Amino acid sequence: MINIYDNVNGVASDLVETAQYKTLRDAVAAMHQDAEAEAVFKKFQTEQQAIQALVQSGAEPTQEQIQNWQSVAADMEKYESLKTLMQAENALNGLLQEINAIITKPIAELYN
C-alpha cells in the first residue's frame, strides 16, 4: 500500500526550493527589517482575522470593522516591503492552486 504522506512530504520539501517560496521568504525577511511596515502588517493580520472569525461564525462584521480593515490595507500600500510581500504571497498562492488542481484532478474526474 502506498504511503501518500511520504509523497506529500516530498512535495513540501520541493516547495521550499521553488522560486515562489524563496521570493516569499526573502520578502518576509525584508518586512521584518522595517519595524513600521511590520507593525502595519501585524495590524492588518489582526483586523483580517477578526473579520474572518465573524464571517465563519455566521456574523457580519460591522461597518466600523470593515473601515478599520480597509484603512490598514490602504496603509500597507505606503510600504514597498509590504507591496513586495503581497506580490510574493500571490505568486506562491498561484503555485499552490496549481498543485491543488493536480492533486484533486482524480476526484474531479470521478464526477465527469
Protein backbone atom coordinates (compact mmCIF):
# COMPACT_ATOMS: atom_id res chain seq x y z
CA MET A 1 0.00 0.00 0.00
CA ILE A 2 1.26 3.47 -0.87
CA ASN A 3 2.07 5.91 1.89
CA ILE A 4 0.71 9.13 0.42
CA TYR A 5 2.23 11.14 3.26
CA ASP A 6 5.73 10.32 2.05
CA ASN A 7 4.84 11.82 -1.32
CA VAL A 8 3.26 14.91 0.24
CA ASN A 9 6.27 15.42 2.48
CA GLY A 10 8.41 15.24 -0.65
CA VAL A 11 6.27 17.93 -2.26
CA ALA A 12 6.70 20.08 0.87
CA SER A 13 10.47 19.65 0.63
CA ASP A 14 10.36 20.58 -3.04
CA LEU A 15 8.16 23.60 -2.33
CA VAL A 16 10.87 25.33 -0.30
CA GLU A 17 13.16 25.08 -3.33
CA THR A 18 10.78 26.93 -5.66
CA ALA A 19 11.36 30.49 -6.76
CA GLN A 20 7.95 31.45 -5.38
CA TYR A 21 8.79 30.19 -1.89
CA LYS A 22 12.23 31.78 -1.89
CA THR A 23 10.79 35.10 -3.03
CA LEU A 24 8.24 34.99 -0.21
CA ARG A 25 10.91 34.02 2.33
CA ASP A 26 13.02 36.99 1.27
CA ALA A 27 10.01 39.34 1.30
CA VAL A 28 9.07 38.28 4.82
CA ALA A 29 12.65 38.85 5.98
CA ALA A 30 12.67 42.31 4.37
CA MET A 31 9.38 43.20 6.03
CA HIS A 32 10.80 42.20 9.43
CA GLN A 33 13.68 44.62 8.85
CA ASP A 34 11.24 47.57 8.71
CA ALA A 35 9.63 47.98 12.14
CA GLU A 36 6.91 50.34 10.87
CA ALA A 37 5.96 48.04 8.00
CA GLU A 38 5.94 45.04 10.32
CA ALA A 39 3.61 46.85 12.75
CA VAL A 40 1.21 47.74 9.92
CA PHE A 41 1.32 44.14 8.66
CA LYS A 42 0.54 42.76 12.13
CA LYS A 43 -2.35 45.20 12.49
CA PHE A 44 -3.65 44.14 9.08
CA GLN A 45 -3.49 40.47 10.11
CA THR A 46 -5.32 41.19 13.36
CA GLU A 47 -8.10 43.11 11.60
CA GLN A 48 -8.39 40.45 8.89
CA GLN A 49 -8.53 37.58 11.39
CA ALA A 50 -11.24 39.33 13.40
CA ILE A 51 -13.37 39.76 10.29
CA GLN A 52 -12.77 36.18 9.17
CA ALA A 53 -13.75 34.87 12.61
CA LEU A 54 -17.01 36.80 12.47
CA VAL A 55 -17.83 35.57 8.99
CA GLN A 56 -17.01 31.96 9.91
CA SER A 57 -19.31 32.20 12.92
CA GLY A 58 -22.11 33.44 10.68
CA ALA A 59 -21.98 37.03 11.90
CA GLU A 60 -21.48 40.12 9.79
CA PRO A 61 -18.61 42.49 10.51
CA THR A 62 -19.67 45.97 11.47
CA GLN A 63 -19.15 48.88 9.13
CA GLU A 64 -16.53 50.19 11.57
CA GLN A 65 -14.60 46.91 11.45
CA ILE A 66 -14.65 46.91 7.66
CA GLN A 67 -13.49 50.53 7.57
CA ASN A 68 -10.67 49.79 10.03
CA TRP A 69 -9.52 46.87 7.89
CA GLN A 70 -9.70 48.95 4.72
CA SER A 71 -7.76 51.75 6.39
CA VAL A 72 -4.98 49.39 7.41
CA ALA A 73 -4.98 47.84 3.94
CA ALA A 74 -4.52 51.32 2.50
CA ASP A 75 -1.67 51.96 4.95
CA MET A 76 0.06 48.84 3.63
CA GLU A 77 0.32 50.48 0.21
CA LYS A 78 2.71 53.04 1.72
CA TYR A 79 5.43 50.42 2.27
CA GLU A 80 7.33 48.92 -0.62
CA SER A 81 8.28 45.91 1.52
CA LEU A 82 4.59 45.14 2.11
CA LYS A 83 3.70 45.52 -1.56
CA THR A 84 6.51 43.10 -2.39
CA LEU A 85 5.30 40.73 0.31
CA MET A 86 1.74 40.74 -1.07
CA GLN A 87 3.02 40.08 -4.60
CA ALA A 88 5.12 37.19 -3.31
CA GLU A 89 2.17 35.75 -1.39
CA ASN A 90 0.02 35.94 -4.51
CA ALA A 91 2.67 34.18 -6.60
CA LEU A 92 3.04 31.37 -4.08
CA ASN A 93 -0.73 31.09 -3.76
CA GLY A 94 -0.95 30.66 -7.54
CA LEU A 95 1.55 27.81 -7.38
CA LEU A 96 -0.38 26.18 -4.53
CA GLN A 97 -3.61 26.45 -6.51
CA GLU A 98 -1.94 24.70 -9.45
CA ILE A 99 -0.65 21.96 -7.14
CA ASN A 100 -4.10 21.57 -5.58
CA ALA A 101 -5.67 21.24 -9.03
CA ILE A 102 -3.23 18.47 -9.89
CA ILE A 103 -3.83 16.65 -6.60
CA THR A 104 -7.61 16.88 -6.83
CA LYS A 105 -7.86 16.07 -10.55
CA PRO A 106 -8.68 12.37 -9.93
CA ILE A 107 -11.53 13.40 -7.64
CA ALA A 108 -12.93 15.83 -10.21
CA GLU A 109 -12.69 13.09 -12.85
CA LEU A 110 -14.87 10.84 -10.73
CA TYR A 111 -17.75 13.23 -11.27
CA ASN A 112 -17.26 13.66 -15.02
